[in-house]
Amino acid sequence: MMKYLLLCILFASTLALGPTPAIAQDSSKAPCSSFQKLPDGNWKVLRPVKIEHATSSVMLSAGMTIGPGTNAVGVNLYYALQKNCK
């Protein structure tokens, strides 16, 4: 619940700052070039990314860290990155 709240706050702040580049996503693909795997196994968002799934979407801001169990709009972001990005 806390991670969801954080994502909502970051999404709202991103909207307040104005338009940013976005990449549309579905749950089976990940924009790997927008993420960097960190030495501790987490993933860092390198540039703003819009994640879309079904009828929902969320904007991830540059600098965010995605760790195990991070979910947004019904997608396990950490699992998707682990599965699709090397």
N, C-alpha and C. Protein backbone atom coordinates (compact mmCIF):
# COMPACT_ATOMS: atom_id res chain seq x y z
N MET A 1 0.82 -1.18 0.00
CA MET A 1 0.00 0.00 0.00
C MET A 1 0.88 1.26 0.00
N MET A 2 1.96 1.23 0.76
CA MET A 2 2.85 2.39 0.82
C MET A 2 3.50 2.66 -0.53
N LYS A 3 3.92 1.59 -1.23
CA LYS A 3 4.54 1.77 -2.54
C LYS A 3 3.54 2.33 -3.53
N TYR A 4 2.28 1.88 -3.44
CA TYR A 4 1.23 2.39 -4.33
C TYR A 4 1.02 3.87 -4.08
N LEU A 5 0.97 4.26 -2.81
CA LEU A 5 0.80 5.66 -2.46
C LEU A 5 1.97 6.49 -2.99
N LEU A 6 3.18 5.98 -2.84
CA LEU A 6 4.36 6.67 -3.35
C LEU A 6 4.28 6.84 -4.87
N LEU A 7 3.87 5.78 -5.57
CA LEU A 7 3.73 5.88 -7.02
C LEU A 7 2.69 6.93 -7.41
N CYS A 8 1.59 6.98 -6.68
CA CYS A 8 0.55 7.97 -6.96
C CYS A 8 1.07 9.39 -6.74
N ILE A 9 1.81 9.59 -5.67
CA ILE A 9 2.37 10.91 -5.39
C ILE A 9 3.37 11.30 -6.47
N LEU A 10 4.23 10.37 -6.86
CA LEU A 10 5.20 10.67 -7.92
C LEU A 10 4.51 10.94 -9.25
N PHE A 11 3.45 10.21 -9.52
CA PHE A 11 2.68 10.43 -10.74
C PHE A 11 2.08 11.83 -10.75
N ALA A 12 1.47 12.22 -9.62
CA ALA A 12 0.86 13.54 -9.51
C ALA A 12 1.90 14.64 -9.64
N SER A 13 3.07 14.44 -9.02
CA SER A 13 4.10 15.47 -9.11
C SER A 13 4.66 15.57 -10.53
N THR A 14 4.71 14.44 -11.23
CA THR A 14 5.17 14.46 -12.62
C THR A 14 4.21 15.26 -13.48
N LEU A 15 2.91 15.09 -13.25
CA LEU A 15 1.92 15.85 -14.01
C LEU A 15 2.05 17.35 -13.73
N ALA A 16 2.33 17.69 -12.48
CA ALA A 16 2.44 19.09 -12.11
C ALA A 16 3.66 19.76 -12.74
N LEU A 17 4.69 18.99 -13.02
CA LEU A 17 5.91 19.55 -13.59
C LEU A 17 5.84 19.74 -15.10
N GLY A 18 4.82 19.21 -15.72
CA GLY A 18 4.66 19.38 -17.15
C GLY A 18 4.90 18.10 -17.92
N PRO A 19 4.80 18.16 -19.23
CA PRO A 19 4.93 16.96 -20.05
C PRO A 19 6.34 16.38 -20.01
N THR A 20 6.40 15.07 -20.03
CA THR A 20 7.68 14.37 -20.07
C THR A 20 7.58 13.25 -21.09
N PRO A 21 8.70 12.77 -21.58
CA PRO A 21 8.67 11.66 -22.51
C PRO A 21 8.06 10.43 -21.84
N ALA A 22 7.36 9.63 -22.60
CA ALA A 22 6.73 8.44 -22.04
C ALA A 22 6.83 7.29 -23.02
N ILE A 23 6.81 6.10 -22.47
CA ILE A 23 6.82 4.90 -23.28
C ILE A 23 5.64 4.06 -22.85
N ALA A 24 4.74 3.77 -23.76
CA ALA A 24 3.58 2.93 -23.44
C ALA A 24 4.05 1.50 -23.26
N GLN A 25 3.46 0.84 -22.28
CA GLN A 25 3.86 -0.52 -21.97
C GLN A 25 2.66 -1.43 -21.81
N ASP A 26 2.88 -2.71 -21.96
CA ASP A 26 1.94 -3.70 -21.51
C ASP A 26 2.68 -4.62 -20.56
N SER A 27 1.97 -5.55 -19.94
CA SER A 27 2.59 -6.36 -18.89
C SER A 27 3.62 -7.35 -19.41
N SER A 28 3.70 -7.57 -20.71
CA SER A 28 4.63 -8.57 -21.22
C SER A 28 5.93 -7.96 -21.73
N LYS A 29 6.04 -6.63 -21.76
CA LYS A 29 7.24 -5.98 -22.28
C LYS A 29 7.73 -4.95 -21.29
N ALA A 30 8.99 -4.68 -21.34
CA ALA A 30 9.59 -3.65 -20.49
C ALA A 30 10.52 -2.80 -21.34
N PRO A 31 10.48 -1.48 -21.17
CA PRO A 31 11.38 -0.60 -21.91
C PRO A 31 12.76 -0.62 -21.25
N CYS A 32 13.51 -1.67 -21.51
CA CYS A 32 14.76 -1.93 -20.79
C CYS A 32 15.74 -0.76 -20.82
N SER A 33 15.75 0.00 -21.88
CA SER A 33 16.69 1.12 -21.97
C SER A 33 16.36 2.24 -20.98
N SER A 34 15.18 2.21 -20.39
CA SER A 34 14.79 3.22 -19.41
C SER A 34 15.14 2.83 -17.99
N PHE A 35 15.76 1.65 -17.83
CA PHE A 35 16.08 1.14 -16.50
C PHE A 35 17.53 0.69 -16.44
N GLN A 36 18.10 0.76 -15.24
CA GLN A 36 19.46 0.27 -15.00
C GLN A 36 19.41 -0.66 -13.80
N LYS A 37 19.98 -1.86 -13.96
CA LYS A 37 20.05 -2.79 -12.83
C LYS A 37 21.18 -2.35 -11.91
N LEU A 38 20.86 -2.21 -10.65
CA LEU A 38 21.83 -1.78 -9.65
C LEU A 38 22.56 -2.98 -9.05
N PRO A 39 23.73 -2.76 -8.47
CA PRO A 39 24.49 -3.87 -7.88
C PRO A 39 23.72 -4.64 -6.81
N ASP A 40 22.77 -3.99 -6.12
CA ASP A 40 22.00 -4.68 -5.08
C ASP A 40 20.83 -5.48 -5.65
N GLY A 41 20.67 -5.48 -6.99
CA GLY A 41 19.61 -6.24 -7.63
C GLY A 41 18.36 -5.45 -7.93
N ASN A 42 18.23 -4.26 -7.37
CA ASN A 42 17.09 -3.40 -7.67
C ASN A 42 17.29 -2.75 -9.03
N TRP A 43 16.26 -2.09 -9.52
CA TRP A 43 16.30 -1.40 -10.80
C TRP A 43 16.07 0.09 -10.58
N LYS A 44 16.84 0.92 -11.26
CA LYS A 44 16.70 2.38 -11.19
C LYS A 44 16.06 2.87 -12.49
N VAL A 45 15.07 3.76 -12.35
CA VAL A 45 14.43 4.38 -13.51
C VAL A 45 15.35 5.49 -14.00
N LEU A 46 15.78 5.41 -15.27
CA LEU A 46 16.72 6.39 -15.83
C LEU A 46 16.04 7.59 -16.44
N ARG A 47 14.84 7.40 -16.97
CA ARG A 47 14.08 8.50 -17.57
C ARG A 47 12.59 8.20 -17.37
N PRO A 48 11.74 9.21 -17.41
CA PRO A 48 10.31 8.99 -17.17
C PRO A 48 9.75 7.90 -18.09
N VAL A 49 8.93 7.04 -17.50
CA VAL A 49 8.33 5.93 -18.24
C VAL A 49 6.87 5.83 -17.85
N LYS A 50 6.01 5.75 -18.84
CA LYS A 50 4.59 5.54 -18.59
C LYS A 50 4.30 4.05 -18.74
N ILE A 51 3.77 3.44 -17.69
CA ILE A 51 3.41 2.04 -17.69
C ILE A 51 1.90 1.95 -17.87
N GLU A 52 1.45 1.25 -18.88
CA GLU A 52 0.03 1.07 -19.14
C GLU A 52 -0.33 -0.40 -19.10
N HIS A 53 -1.44 -0.70 -18.46
CA HIS A 53 -1.94 -2.07 -18.39
C HIS A 53 -3.45 -2.00 -18.26
N ALA A 54 -4.14 -2.71 -19.15
CA ALA A 54 -5.61 -2.68 -19.19
C ALA A 54 -6.04 -1.22 -19.38
N THR A 55 -6.85 -0.70 -18.46
CA THR A 55 -7.32 0.68 -18.60
C THR A 55 -6.64 1.63 -17.63
N SER A 56 -5.54 1.20 -17.01
CA SER A 56 -4.83 2.04 -16.04
C SER A 56 -3.43 2.37 -16.54
N SER A 57 -2.88 3.44 -16.00
CA SER A 57 -1.51 3.79 -16.32
C SER A 57 -0.90 4.53 -15.14
N VAL A 58 0.42 4.53 -15.10
CA VAL A 58 1.17 5.24 -14.07
C VAL A 58 2.47 5.73 -14.70
N MET A 59 2.93 6.87 -14.25
CA MET A 59 4.18 7.43 -14.73
C MET A 59 5.26 7.20 -13.68
N LEU A 60 6.37 6.59 -14.08
CA LEU A 60 7.51 6.40 -13.19
C LEU A 60 8.50 7.52 -13.46
N SER A 61 8.97 8.14 -12.42
CA SER A 61 9.90 9.27 -12.55
C SER A 61 11.34 8.79 -12.52
N ALA A 62 12.20 9.50 -13.21
CA ALA A 62 13.63 9.20 -13.18
C ALA A 62 14.14 9.26 -11.75
N GLY A 63 14.99 8.29 -11.40
CA GLY A 63 15.55 8.23 -10.06
C GLY A 63 14.85 7.27 -9.13
N MET A 64 13.64 6.87 -9.46
CA MET A 64 12.93 5.90 -8.62
C MET A 64 13.67 4.57 -8.63
N THR A 65 13.53 3.82 -7.55
CA THR A 65 14.12 2.49 -7.45
C THR A 65 13.00 1.47 -7.35
N ILE A 66 13.13 0.41 -8.13
CA ILE A 66 12.14 -0.67 -8.14
C ILE A 66 12.78 -1.91 -7.57
N GLY A 67 12.20 -2.41 -6.49
CA GLY A 67 12.71 -3.60 -5.83
C GLY A 67 11.68 -4.72 -5.87
N PRO A 68 12.02 -5.87 -5.30
CA PRO A 68 11.10 -7.00 -5.29
C PRO A 68 9.73 -6.61 -4.72
N GLY A 69 8.69 -7.06 -5.39
CA GLY A 69 7.34 -6.80 -4.93
C GLY A 69 6.76 -5.46 -5.35
N THR A 70 7.50 -4.68 -6.12
CA THR A 70 6.98 -3.38 -6.57
C THR A 70 5.93 -3.62 -7.65
N ASN A 71 4.71 -3.21 -7.37
CA ASN A 71 3.60 -3.38 -8.30
C ASN A 71 3.00 -2.03 -8.65
N ALA A 72 2.51 -1.91 -9.86
CA ALA A 72 1.78 -0.71 -10.30
C ALA A 72 0.81 -1.13 -11.38
N VAL A 73 -0.36 -0.61 -11.34
CA VAL A 73 -1.45 -0.88 -12.30
C VAL A 73 -1.59 -2.39 -12.60
N GLY A 74 -1.46 -3.20 -11.58
CA GLY A 74 -1.64 -4.63 -11.73
C GLY A 74 -0.45 -5.37 -12.33
N VAL A 75 0.69 -4.71 -12.43
CA VAL A 75 1.89 -5.32 -13.01
C VAL A 75 2.98 -5.38 -11.94
N ASN A 76 3.61 -6.53 -11.79
CA ASN A 76 4.76 -6.66 -10.90
C ASN A 76 5.96 -6.13 -11.70
N LEU A 77 6.31 -4.88 -11.46
CA LEU A 77 7.35 -4.22 -12.25
C LEU A 77 8.71 -4.90 -12.09
N TYR A 78 9.04 -5.28 -10.87
CA TYR A 78 10.32 -5.92 -10.62
C TYR A 78 10.42 -7.22 -11.41
N TYR A 79 9.40 -8.03 -11.34
CA TYR A 79 9.39 -9.32 -12.06
C TYR A 79 9.51 -9.09 -13.57
N ALA A 80 8.76 -8.11 -14.10
CA ALA A 80 8.81 -7.83 -15.54
C ALA A 80 10.22 -7.42 -15.97
N LEU A 81 10.88 -6.61 -15.17
CA LEU A 81 12.24 -6.19 -15.49
C LEU A 81 13.21 -7.35 -15.39
N GLN A 82 13.09 -8.16 -14.34
CA GLN A 82 13.95 -9.31 -14.18
C GLN A 82 13.80 -10.28 -15.35
N LYS A 83 12.58 -10.46 -15.79
CA LYS A 83 12.27 -11.42 -16.86
C LYS A 83 12.72 -10.92 -18.23
N ASN A 84 12.52 -9.63 -18.49
CA ASN A 84 12.70 -9.12 -19.84
C ASN A 84 13.98 -8.34 -20.08
N CYS A 85 14.65 -7.90 -19.04
CA CYS A 85 15.84 -7.05 -19.22
C CYS A 85 17.06 -7.74 -18.62
N LYS A 86 18.16 -7.67 -19.31
CA LYS A 86 19.40 -8.31 -18.84
C LYS A 86 20.44 -7.28 -18.54
